[in-house]
Amino acid sequence: MSKVDQRQLTRMANLFAKLADPARLRILQSLRQGPLRVGEIHRNCRLKQANTSKHLRVLREAGLVSPHREGTSVHYAISEPLIFGLCDLACGTAKQSTGKS
């Protein structure tokens, strides 16, 4: 196992902090099938439009999603597909710890 320095640990902690919001996790899951417009994301995730934009900004700053403008619409897509492996691992661990399948 390679040694992780303090900067890497801080970056990981910041990433986990940004993922610690259920609404952000719902947004990531909704983008799993492909890019969506902001309006589609807010409807799929049952969030207010303003909250959706706020959460997308946090995810964008974390480097997990990226915007793409098409005319007057902004589409968001996953920019770091490895995030799904992390989410799947965390969900599996959570299921095991609660005894749910």
PDB file of N, CA and C in Angstrom:
ATOM      1  N   MET A   1       0.849  -1.175   0.000  1.00  0.00           N
ATOM      2  CA  MET A   1       0.000   0.000   0.000  1.00  0.00           C
ATOM      3  C   MET A   1       0.897   1.242   0.000  1.00  0.00           C
ATOM      4  N   SER A   2       0.614   2.192  -0.879  1.00  0.00           N
ATOM      5  CA  SER A   2       1.432   3.386  -0.959  1.00  0.00           C
ATOM      6  C   SER A   2       1.040   4.382   0.131  1.00  0.00           C
ATOM      7  N   LYS A   3       2.020   5.153   0.535  1.00  0.00           N
ATOM      8  CA  LYS A   3       1.789   6.150   1.581  1.00  0.00           C
ATOM      9  C   LYS A   3       1.068   7.356   0.980  1.00  0.00           C
ATOM     10  N   VAL A   4       0.065   7.859   1.701  1.00  0.00           N
ATOM     11  CA  VAL A   4      -0.707   9.005   1.256  1.00  0.00           C
ATOM     12  C   VAL A   4      -0.264  10.207   2.069  1.00  0.00           C
ATOM     13  N   ASP A   5       0.079  11.296   1.365  1.00  0.00           N
ATOM     14  CA  ASP A   5       0.537  12.475   2.104  1.00  0.00           C
ATOM     15  C   ASP A   5      -0.636  13.323   2.596  1.00  0.00           C
ATOM     16  N   GLN A   6      -0.344  14.299   3.427  1.00  0.00           N
ATOM     17  CA  GLN A   6      -1.369  15.124   4.073  1.00  0.00           C
ATOM     18  C   GLN A   6      -2.243  15.864   3.057  1.00  0.00           C
ATOM     19  N   ARG A   7      -1.656  16.365   1.978  1.00  0.00           N
ATOM     20  CA  ARG A   7      -2.443  17.064   0.945  1.00  0.00           C
ATOM     21  C   ARG A   7      -3.460  16.131   0.312  1.00  0.00           C
ATOM     22  N   GLN A   8      -3.045  14.911   0.021  1.00  0.00           N
ATOM     23  CA  GLN A   8      -3.975  13.941  -0.574  1.00  0.00           C
ATOM     24  C   GLN A   8      -5.104  13.612   0.397  1.00  0.00           C
ATOM     25  N   LEU A   9      -4.766  13.463   1.672  1.00  0.00           N
ATOM     26  CA  LEU A   9      -5.798  13.188   2.677  1.00  0.00           C
ATOM     27  C   LEU A   9      -6.788  14.341   2.778  1.00  0.00           C
ATOM     28  N   THR A  10      -6.285  15.554   2.712  1.00  0.00           N
ATOM     29  CA  THR A  10      -7.151  16.740   2.766  1.00  0.00           C
ATOM     30  C   THR A  10      -8.063  16.785   1.545  1.00  0.00           C
ATOM     31  N   ARG A  11      -7.523  16.499   0.364  1.00  0.00           N
ATOM     32  CA  ARG A  11      -8.345  16.476  -0.858  1.00  0.00           C
ATOM     33  C   ARG A  11      -9.418  15.400  -0.772  1.00  0.00           C
ATOM     34  N   MET A  12      -9.050  14.228  -0.247  1.00  0.00           N
ATOM     35  CA  MET A  12     -10.046  13.162  -0.109  1.00  0.00           C
ATOM     36  C   MET A  12     -11.132  13.566   0.879  1.00  0.00           C
ATOM     37  N   ALA A  13     -10.747  14.173   1.993  1.00  0.00           N
ATOM     38  CA  ALA A  13     -11.737  14.606   2.981  1.00  0.00           C
ATOM     39  C   ALA A  13     -12.677  15.637   2.382  1.00  0.00           C
ATOM     40  N   ASN A  14     -12.143  16.563   1.582  1.00  0.00           N
ATOM     41  CA  ASN A  14     -12.983  17.569   0.925  1.00  0.00           C
ATOM     42  C   ASN A  14     -13.950  16.920  -0.064  1.00  0.00           C
ATOM     43  N   LEU A  15     -13.475  15.936  -0.800  1.00  0.00           N
ATOM     44  CA  LEU A  15     -14.349  15.230  -1.743  1.00  0.00           C
ATOM     45  C   LEU A  15     -15.471  14.513  -0.992  1.00  0.00           C
ATOM     46  N   PHE A  16     -15.108  13.801   0.073  1.00  0.00           N
ATOM     47  CA  PHE A  16     -16.136  13.095   0.846  1.00  0.00           C
ATOM     48  C   PHE A  16     -17.132  14.071   1.456  1.00  0.00           C
ATOM     49  N   ALA A  17     -16.675  15.232   1.868  1.00  0.00           N
ATOM     50  CA  ALA A  17     -17.587  16.245   2.420  1.00  0.00           C
ATOM     51  C   ALA A  17     -18.586  16.691   1.356  1.00  0.00           C
ATOM     52  N   LYS A  18     -18.115  16.827   0.124  1.00  0.00           N
ATOM     53  CA  LYS A  18     -19.013  17.246  -0.955  1.00  0.00           C
ATOM     54  C   LYS A  18     -19.984  16.140  -1.338  1.00  0.00           C
ATOM     55  N   LEU A  19     -19.602  14.908  -1.111  1.00  0.00           N
ATOM     56  CA  LEU A  19     -20.477  13.773  -1.417  1.00  0.00           C
ATOM     57  C   LEU A  19     -21.410  13.431  -0.258  1.00  0.00           C
ATOM     58  N   ALA A  20     -21.264  14.107   0.870  1.00  0.00           N
ATOM     59  CA  ALA A  20     -22.026  13.778   2.079  1.00  0.00           C
ATOM     60  C   ALA A  20     -23.455  14.300   2.053  1.00  0.00           C
ATOM     61  N   ASP A  21     -23.893  14.859   0.942  1.00  0.00           N
ATOM     62  CA  ASP A  21     -25.249  15.385   0.833  1.00  0.00           C
ATOM     63  C   ASP A  21     -26.084  14.450  -0.047  1.00  0.00           C
ATOM     64  N   PRO A  22     -27.199  13.939   0.478  1.00  0.00           N
ATOM     65  CA  PRO A  22     -28.028  13.011  -0.315  1.00  0.00           C
ATOM     66  C   PRO A  22     -28.494  13.597  -1.646  1.00  0.00           C
ATOM     67  N   ALA A  23     -28.756  14.899  -1.692  1.00  0.00           N
ATOM     68  CA  ALA A  23     -29.210  15.512  -2.950  1.00  0.00           C
ATOM     69  C   ALA A  23     -28.106  15.420  -4.005  1.00  0.00           C
ATOM     70  N   ARG A  24     -26.864  15.609  -3.608  1.00  0.00           N
ATOM     71  CA  ARG A  24     -25.754  15.518  -4.571  1.00  0.00           C
ATOM     72  C   ARG A  24     -25.589  14.090  -5.061  1.00  0.00           C
ATOM     73  N   LEU A  25     -25.779  13.141  -4.174  1.00  0.00           N
ATOM     74  CA  LEU A  25     -25.700  11.740  -4.592  1.00  0.00           C
ATOM     75  C   LEU A  25     -26.830  11.393  -5.552  1.00  0.00           C
ATOM     76  N   ARG A  26     -28.022  11.939  -5.312  1.00  0.00           N
ATOM     77  CA  ARG A  26     -29.145  11.720  -6.246  1.00  0.00           C
ATOM     78  C   ARG A  26     -28.817  12.317  -7.614  1.00  0.00           C
ATOM     79  N   ILE A  27     -28.216  13.495  -7.615  1.00  0.00           N
ATOM     80  CA  ILE A  27     -27.835  14.122  -8.889  1.00  0.00           C
ATOM     81  C   ILE A  27     -26.843  13.239  -9.632  1.00  0.00           C
ATOM     82  N   LEU A  28     -25.821  12.753  -8.937  1.00  0.00           N
ATOM     83  CA  LEU A  28     -24.843  11.878  -9.591  1.00  0.00           C
ATOM     84  C   LEU A  28     -25.515  10.631 -10.151  1.00  0.00           C
ATOM     85  N   GLN A  29     -26.419  10.043  -9.383  1.00  0.00           N
ATOM     86  CA  GLN A  29     -27.115   8.845  -9.858  1.00  0.00           C
ATOM     87  C   GLN A  29     -27.987   9.157 -11.076  1.00  0.00           C
ATOM     88  N   SER A  30     -28.602  10.334 -11.092  1.00  0.00           N
ATOM     89  CA  SER A  30     -29.448  10.677 -12.245  1.00  0.00           C
ATOM     90  C   SER A  30     -28.607  10.869 -13.506  1.00  0.00           C
ATOM     91  N   LEU A  31     -27.349  11.247 -13.341  1.00  0.00           N
ATOM     92  CA  LEU A  31     -26.452  11.448 -14.487  1.00  0.00           C
ATOM     93  C   LEU A  31     -25.755  10.161 -14.913  1.00  0.00           C
ATOM     94  N   ARG A  32     -26.001   9.107 -14.204  1.00  0.00           N
ATOM     95  CA  ARG A  32     -25.353   7.828 -14.502  1.00  0.00           C
ATOM     96  C   ARG A  32     -25.703   7.335 -15.904  1.00  0.00           C
ATOM     97  N   GLN A  33     -26.916   7.620 -16.361  1.00  0.00           N
ATOM     98  CA  GLN A  33     -27.365   7.167 -17.677  1.00  0.00           C
ATOM     99  C   GLN A  33     -26.918   8.078 -18.807  1.00  0.00           C
ATOM    100  N   GLY A  34     -26.411   9.270 -18.464  1.00  0.00           N
ATOM    101  CA  GLY A  34     -25.941  10.190 -19.494  1.00  0.00           C
ATOM    102  C   GLY A  34     -26.281  11.625 -19.145  1.00  0.00           C
ATOM    103  N   PRO A  35     -25.824  12.564 -19.987  1.00  0.00           N
ATOM    104  CA  PRO A  35     -26.029  13.991 -19.723  1.00  0.00           C
ATOM    105  C   PRO A  35     -27.508  14.370 -19.654  1.00  0.00           C
ATOM    106  N   LEU A  36     -27.788  15.347 -18.793  1.00  0.00           N
ATOM    107  CA  LEU A  36     -29.150  15.866 -18.648  1.00  0.00           C
ATOM    108  C   LEU A  36     -29.116  17.387 -18.546  1.00  0.00           C
ATOM    109  N   ARG A  37     -30.233  18.013 -18.956  1.00  0.00           N
ATOM    110  CA  ARG A  37     -30.396  19.454 -18.755  1.00  0.00           C
ATOM    111  C   ARG A  37     -30.694  19.712 -17.279  1.00  0.00           C
ATOM    112  N   VAL A  38     -30.398  20.911 -16.822  1.00  0.00           N
ATOM    113  CA  VAL A  38     -30.617  21.273 -15.423  1.00  0.00           C
ATOM    114  C   VAL A  38     -32.064  21.024 -15.019  1.00  0.00           C
ATOM    115  N   GLY A  39     -33.015  21.395 -15.880  1.00  0.00           N
ATOM    116  CA  GLY A  39     -34.430  21.184 -15.580  1.00  0.00           C
ATOM    117  C   GLY A  39     -34.771  19.717 -15.404  1.00  0.00           C
ATOM    118  N   GLU A  40     -34.160  18.860 -16.204  1.00  0.00           N
ATOM    119  CA  GLU A  40     -34.395  17.422 -16.072  1.00  0.00           C
ATOM    120  C   GLU A  40     -33.834  16.902 -14.749  1.00  0.00           C
ATOM    121  N   ILE A  41     -32.670  17.405 -14.379  1.00  0.00           N
ATOM    122  CA  ILE A  41     -32.051  16.982 -13.125  1.00  0.00           C
ATOM    123  C   ILE A  41     -32.930  17.390 -11.948  1.00  0.00           C
ATOM    124  N   HIS A  42     -33.403  18.635 -11.964  1.00  0.00           N
ATOM    125  CA  HIS A  42     -34.191  19.099 -10.821  1.00  0.00           C
ATOM    126  C   HIS A  42     -35.517  18.343 -10.720  1.00  0.00           C
ATOM    127  N   ARG A  43     -36.107  17.975 -11.849  1.00  0.00           N
ATOM    128  CA  ARG A  43     -37.343  17.176 -11.800  1.00  0.00           C
ATOM    129  C   ARG A  43     -37.064  15.740 -11.357  1.00  0.00           C
ATOM    130  N   ASN A  44     -36.022  15.127 -11.929  1.00  0.00           N
ATOM    131  CA  ASN A  44     -35.680  13.746 -11.563  1.00  0.00           C
ATOM    132  C   ASN A  44     -35.344  13.604 -10.086  1.00  0.00           C
ATOM    133  N   CYS A  45     -34.678  14.597  -9.544  1.00  0.00           N
ATOM    134  CA  CYS A  45     -34.197  14.525  -8.157  1.00  0.00           C
ATOM    135  C   CYS A  45     -35.154  15.167  -7.168  1.00  0.00           C
ATOM    136  N   ARG A  46     -36.243  15.735  -7.697  1.00  0.00           N
ATOM    137  CA  ARG A  46     -37.251  16.394  -6.858  1.00  0.00           C
ATOM    138  C   ARG A  46     -36.636  17.477  -5.979  1.00  0.00           C
ATOM    139  N   LEU A  47     -35.852  18.327  -6.633  1.00  0.00           N
ATOM    140  CA  LEU A  47     -35.220  19.462  -5.966  1.00  0.00           C
ATOM    141  C   LEU A  47     -35.742  20.753  -6.576  1.00  0.00           C
ATOM    142  N   LYS A  48     -35.668  21.827  -5.817  1.00  0.00           N
ATOM    143  CA  LYS A  48     -35.978  23.137  -6.383  1.00  0.00           C
ATOM    144  C   LYS A  48     -34.859  23.508  -7.343  1.00  0.00           C
ATOM    145  N   GLN A  49     -35.206  24.293  -8.359  1.00  0.00           N
ATOM    146  CA  GLN A  49     -34.221  24.662  -9.379  1.00  0.00           C
ATOM    147  C   GLN A  49     -33.002  25.349  -8.750  1.00  0.00           C
ATOM    148  N   ALA A  50     -33.227  26.258  -7.802  1.00  0.00           N
ATOM    149  CA  ALA A  50     -32.113  26.969  -7.164  1.00  0.00           C
ATOM    150  C   ALA A  50     -31.203  26.004  -6.404  1.00  0.00           C
ATOM    151  N   ASN A  51     -31.805  25.044  -5.711  1.00  0.00           N
ATOM    152  CA  ASN A  51     -31.003  24.061  -4.977  1.00  0.00           C
ATOM    153  C   ASN A  51     -30.224  23.166  -5.934  1.00  0.00           C
ATOM    154  N   THR A  52     -30.847  22.813  -7.040  1.00  0.00           N
ATOM    155  CA  THR A  52     -30.171  21.990  -8.042  1.00  0.00           C
ATOM    156  C   THR A  52     -28.936  22.706  -8.558  1.00  0.00           C
ATOM    157  N   SER A  53     -29.081  23.980  -8.876  1.00  0.00           N
ATOM    158  CA  SER A  53     -27.940  24.760  -9.376  1.00  0.00           C
ATOM    159  C   SER A  53     -26.832  24.847  -8.337  1.00  0.00           C
ATOM    160  N   LYS A  54     -27.213  25.034  -7.077  1.00  0.00           N
ATOM    161  CA  LYS A  54     -26.218  25.115  -6.000  1.00  0.00           C
ATOM    162  C   LYS A  54     -25.449  23.799  -5.883  1.00  0.00           C
ATOM    163  N   HIS A  55     -26.169  22.685  -5.903  1.00  0.00           N
ATOM    164  CA  HIS A  55     -25.507  21.386  -5.783  1.00  0.00           C
ATOM    165  C   HIS A  55     -24.653  21.076  -7.010  1.00  0.00           C
ATOM    166  N   LEU A  56     -25.119  21.448  -8.191  1.00  0.00           N
ATOM    167  CA  LEU A  56     -24.320  21.246  -9.402  1.00  0.00           C
ATOM    168  C   LEU A  56     -23.035  22.047  -9.350  1.00  0.00           C
ATOM    169  N   ARG A  57     -23.090  23.252  -8.790  1.00  0.00           N
ATOM    170  CA  ARG A  57     -21.878  24.067  -8.645  1.00  0.00           C
ATOM    171  C   ARG A  57     -20.863  23.358  -7.749  1.00  0.00           C
ATOM    172  N   VAL A  58     -21.323  22.808  -6.636  1.00  0.00           N
ATOM    173  CA  VAL A  58     -20.427  22.093  -5.724  1.00  0.00           C
ATOM    174  C   VAL A  58     -19.809  20.882  -6.425  1.00  0.00           C
ATOM    175  N   LEU A  59     -20.626  20.127  -7.144  1.00  0.00           N
ATOM    176  CA  LEU A  59     -20.123  18.961  -7.866  1.00  0.00           C
ATOM    177  C   LEU A  59     -19.166  19.357  -8.989  1.00  0.00           C
ATOM    178  N   ARG A  60     -19.446  20.479  -9.645  1.00  0.00           N
ATOM    179  CA  ARG A  60     -18.554  20.985 -10.697  1.00  0.00           C
ATOM    180  C   ARG A  60     -17.216  21.388 -10.095  1.00  0.00           C
ATOM    181  N   GLU A  61     -17.239  22.109  -8.967  1.00  0.00           N
ATOM    182  CA  GLU A  61     -15.998  22.529  -8.303  1.00  0.00           C
ATOM    183  C   GLU A  61     -15.179  21.329  -7.842  1.00  0.00           C
ATOM    184  N   ALA A  62     -15.855  20.228  -7.519  1.00  0.00           N
ATOM    185  CA  ALA A  62     -15.170  19.003  -7.110  1.00  0.00           C
ATOM    186  C   ALA A  62     -14.612  18.230  -8.304  1.00  0.00           C
ATOM    187  N   GLY A  63     -14.955  18.673  -9.519  1.00  0.00           N
ATOM    188  CA  GLY A  63     -14.473  18.002 -10.722  1.00  0.00           C
ATOM    189  C   GLY A  63     -15.243  16.744 -11.071  1.00  0.00           C
ATOM    190  N   LEU A  64     -16.439  16.597 -10.516  1.00  0.00           N
ATOM    191  CA  LEU A  64     -17.220  15.390 -10.749  1.00  0.00           C
ATOM    192  C   LEU A  64     -18.201  15.511 -11.905  1.00  0.00           C
ATOM    193  N   VAL A  65     -18.661  16.721 -12.182  1.00  0.00           N
ATOM    194  CA  VAL A  65     -19.557  16.958 -13.317  1.00  0.00           C
ATOM    195  C   VAL A  65     -19.025  18.123 -14.136  1.00  0.00           C
ATOM    196  N   SER A  66     -19.444  18.164 -15.384  1.00  0.00           N
ATOM    197  CA  SER A  66     -19.034  19.278 -16.242  1.00  0.00           C
ATOM    198  C   SER A  66     -20.237  19.746 -17.062  1.00  0.00           C
ATOM    199  N   PRO A  67     -20.350  21.080 -17.221  1.00  0.00           N
ATOM    200  CA  PRO A  67     -21.465  21.638 -17.991  1.00  0.00           C
ATOM    201  C   PRO A  67     -21.107  21.727 -19.468  1.00  0.00           C
ATOM    202  N   HIS A  68     -22.125  21.682 -20.301  1.00  0.00           N
ATOM    203  CA  HIS A  68     -21.964  21.859 -21.746  1.00  0.00           C
ATOM    204  C   HIS A  68     -23.184  22.620 -22.241  1.00  0.00           C
ATOM    205  N   ARG A  69     -22.952  23.772 -22.831  1.00  0.00           N
ATOM    206  CA  ARG A  69     -24.057  24.600 -23.318  1.00  0.00           C
ATOM    207  C   ARG A  69     -24.442  24.175 -24.726  1.00  0.00           C
ATOM    208  N   GLU A  70     -25.748  23.990 -24.909  1.00  0.00           N
ATOM    209  CA  GLU A  70     -26.319  23.708 -26.234  1.00  0.00           C
ATOM    210  C   GLU A  70     -27.454  24.697 -26.435  1.00  0.00           C
ATOM    211  N   GLY A  71     -27.193  25.745 -27.181  1.00  0.00           N
ATOM    212  CA  GLY A  71     -28.192  26.794 -27.369  1.00  0.00           C
ATOM    213  C   GLY A  71     -28.435  27.499 -26.050  1.00  0.00           C
ATOM    214  N   THR A  72     -29.674  27.511 -25.609  1.00  0.00           N
ATOM    215  CA  THR A  72     -29.995  28.162 -24.344  1.00  0.00           C
ATOM    216  C   THR A  72     -29.990  27.183 -23.171  1.00  0.00           C
ATOM    217  N   SER A  73     -29.765  25.908 -23.448  1.00  0.00           N
ATOM    218  CA  SER A  73     -29.766  24.886 -22.395  1.00  0.00           C
ATOM    219  C   SER A  73     -28.359  24.547 -21.947  1.00  0.00           C
ATOM    220  N   VAL A  74     -28.246  24.212 -20.680  1.00  0.00           N
ATOM    221  CA  VAL A  74     -26.982  23.707 -20.145  1.00  0.00           C
ATOM    222  C   VAL A  74     -27.201  22.257 -19.752  1.00  0.00           C
ATOM    223  N   HIS A  75     -26.380  21.393 -20.321  1.00  0.00           N
ATOM    224  CA  HIS A  75     -26.411  19.970 -20.000  1.00  0.00           C
ATOM    225  C   HIS A  75     -25.255  19.680 -19.043  1.00  0.00           C
ATOM    226  N   TYR A  76     -25.482  18.796 -18.107  1.00  0.00           N
ATOM    227  CA  TYR A  76     -24.415  18.360 -17.211  1.00  0.00           C
ATOM    228  C   TYR A  76     -24.152  16.889 -17.462  1.00  0.00           C
ATOM    229  N   ALA A  77     -22.875  16.535 -17.360  1.00  0.00           N
ATOM    230  CA  ALA A  77     -22.457  15.143 -17.536  1.00  0.00           C
ATOM    231  C   ALA A  77     -21.419  14.817 -16.476  1.00  0.00           C
ATOM    232  N   ILE A  78     -21.266  13.559 -16.205  1.00  0.00           N
ATOM    233  CA  ILE A  78     -20.236  13.091 -15.286  1.00  0.00           C
ATOM    234  C   ILE A  78     -18.879  13.319 -15.940  1.00  0.00           C
ATOM    235  N   SER A  79     -17.970  13.946 -15.225  1.00  0.00           N
ATOM    236  CA  SER A  79     -16.625  14.149 -15.770  1.00  0.00           C
ATOM    237  C   SER A  79     -15.616  13.194 -15.140  1.00  0.00           C
ATOM    238  N   GLU A  80     -16.026  12.501 -14.089  1.00  0.00           N
ATOM    239  CA  GLU A  80     -15.164  11.518 -13.433  1.00  0.00           C
ATOM    240  C   GLU A  80     -15.961  10.234 -13.193  1.00  0.00           C
ATOM    241  N   PRO A  81     -16.014   9.349 -14.210  1.00  0.00           N
ATOM    242  CA  PRO A  81     -16.836   8.143 -14.107  1.00  0.00           C
ATOM    243  C   PRO A  81     -16.439   7.221 -12.951  1.00  0.00           C
ATOM    244  N   LEU A  82     -15.215   7.331 -12.460  1.00  0.00           N
ATOM    245  CA  LEU A  82     -14.790   6.485 -11.349  1.00  0.00           C
ATOM    246  C   LEU A  82     -15.605   6.746 -10.083  1.00  0.00           C
ATOM    247  N   ILE A  83     -16.324   7.874 -10.041  1.00  0.00           N
ATOM    248  CA  ILE A  83     -17.134   8.191  -8.871  1.00  0.00           C
ATOM    249  C   ILE A  83     -18.196   7.119  -8.640  1.00  0.00           C
ATOM    250  N   PHE A  84     -18.652   6.463  -9.707  1.00  0.00           N
ATOM    251  CA  PHE A  84     -19.682   5.438  -9.541  1.00  0.00           C
ATOM    252  C   PHE A  84     -19.151   4.206  -8.808  1.00  0.00           C
ATOM    253  N   GLY A  85     -17.883   3.890  -9.014  1.00  0.00           N
ATOM    254  CA  GLY A  85     -17.272   2.794  -8.263  1.00  0.00           C
ATOM    255  C   GLY A  85     -17.250   3.104  -6.777  1.00  0.00           C
ATOM    256  N   LEU A  86     -16.918   4.345  -6.457  1.00  0.00           N
ATOM    257  CA  LEU A  86     -16.910   4.773  -5.060  1.00  0.00           C
ATOM    258  C   LEU A  86     -18.320   4.733  -4.477  1.00  0.00           C
ATOM    259  N   CYS A  87     -19.301   5.236  -5.235  1.00  0.00           N
ATOM    260  CA  CYS A  87     -20.692   5.221  -4.772  1.00  0.00           C
ATOM    261  C   CYS A  87     -21.191   3.790  -4.589  1.00  0.00           C
ATOM    262  N   ASP A  88     -20.867   2.910  -5.529  1.00  0.00           N
ATOM    263  CA  ASP A  88     -21.297   1.516  -5.429  1.00  0.00           C
ATOM    264  C   ASP A  88     -20.667   0.842  -4.211  1.00  0.00           C
ATOM    265  N   LEU A  89     -19.395   1.121  -3.977  1.00  0.00           N
ATOM    266  CA  LEU A  89     -18.713   0.562  -2.818  1.00  0.00           C
ATOM    267  C   LEU A  89     -19.354   1.061  -1.525  1.00  0.00           C
ATOM    268  N   ALA A  90     -19.615   2.354  -1.451  1.00  0.00           N
ATOM    269  CA  ALA A  90     -20.221   2.929  -0.247  1.00  0.00           C
ATOM    270  C   ALA A  90     -21.627   2.391  -0.029  1.00  0.00           C
ATOM    271  N   CYS A  91     -22.407   2.265  -1.101  1.00  0.00           N
ATOM    272  CA  CYS A  91     -23.773   1.733  -0.963  1.00  0.00           C
ATOM    273  C   CYS A  91     -23.739   0.281  -0.512  1.00  0.00           C
ATOM    274  N   GLY A  92     -22.831  -0.506  -1.037  1.00  0.00           N
ATOM    275  CA  GLY A  92     -22.704  -1.901  -0.624  1.00  0.00           C
ATOM    276  C   GLY A  92     -22.304  -2.009   0.832  1.00  0.00           C
ATOM    277  N   THR A  93     -21.389  -1.161   1.256  1.00  0.00           N
ATOM    278  CA  THR A  93     -20.951  -1.153   2.647  1.00  0.00           C
ATOM    279  C   THR A  93     -22.093  -0.732   3.560  1.00  0.00           C
ATOM    280  N   ALA A  94     -22.868   0.272   3.135  1.00  0.00           N
ATOM    281  CA  ALA A  94     -23.992   0.745   3.942  1.00  0.00           C
ATOM    282  C   ALA A  94     -25.046  -0.348   4.082  1.00  0.00           C
ATOM    283  N   LYS A  95     -25.306  -1.075   3.008  1.00  0.00           N
ATOM    284  CA  LYS A  95     -26.293  -2.167   3.065  1.00  0.00           C
ATOM    285  C   LYS A  95     -25.844  -3.243   4.034  1.00  0.00           C
ATOM    286  N   GLN A  96     -24.544  -3.579   4.001  1.00  0.00           N
ATOM    287  CA  GLN A  96     -24.021  -4.613   4.895  1.00  0.00           C
ATOM    288  C   GLN A  96     -24.115  -4.180   6.353  1.00  0.00           C
ATOM    289  N   SER A  97     -23.832  -2.911   6.619  1.00  0.00           N
ATOM    290  CA  SER A  97     -23.833  -2.452   8.014  1.00  0.00           C
ATOM    291  C   SER A  97     -25.235  -2.320   8.585  1.00  0.00           C
ATOM    292  N   THR A  98     -26.245  -2.142   7.707  1.00  0.00           N
ATOM    293  CA  THR A  98     -27.623  -2.042   8.191  1.00  0.00           C
ATOM    294  C   THR A  98     -28.357  -3.373   8.079  1.00  0.00           C
ATOM    295  N   GLY A  99     -27.711  -4.345   7.431  1.00  0.00           N
ATOM    296  CA  GLY A  99     -28.352  -5.649   7.279  1.00  0.00           C
ATOM    297  C   GLY A  99     -29.365  -5.699   6.172  1.00  0.00           C
ATOM    298  N   LYS A 100     -29.444  -4.651   5.329  1.00  0.00           N
ATOM    299  CA  LYS A 100     -30.397  -4.637   4.214  1.00  0.00           C
ATOM    300  C   LYS A 100     -29.738  -5.191   2.978  1.00  0.00           C
ATOM    301  N   SER A 101     -30.558  -5.753   2.083  1.00  0.00           N
ATOM    302  CA  SER A 101     -29.996  -6.241   0.825  1.00  0.00           C
ATOM    303  C   SER A 101     -30.601  -5.560  -0.343  1.00  0.00           C
TER     304      SER A 101
END
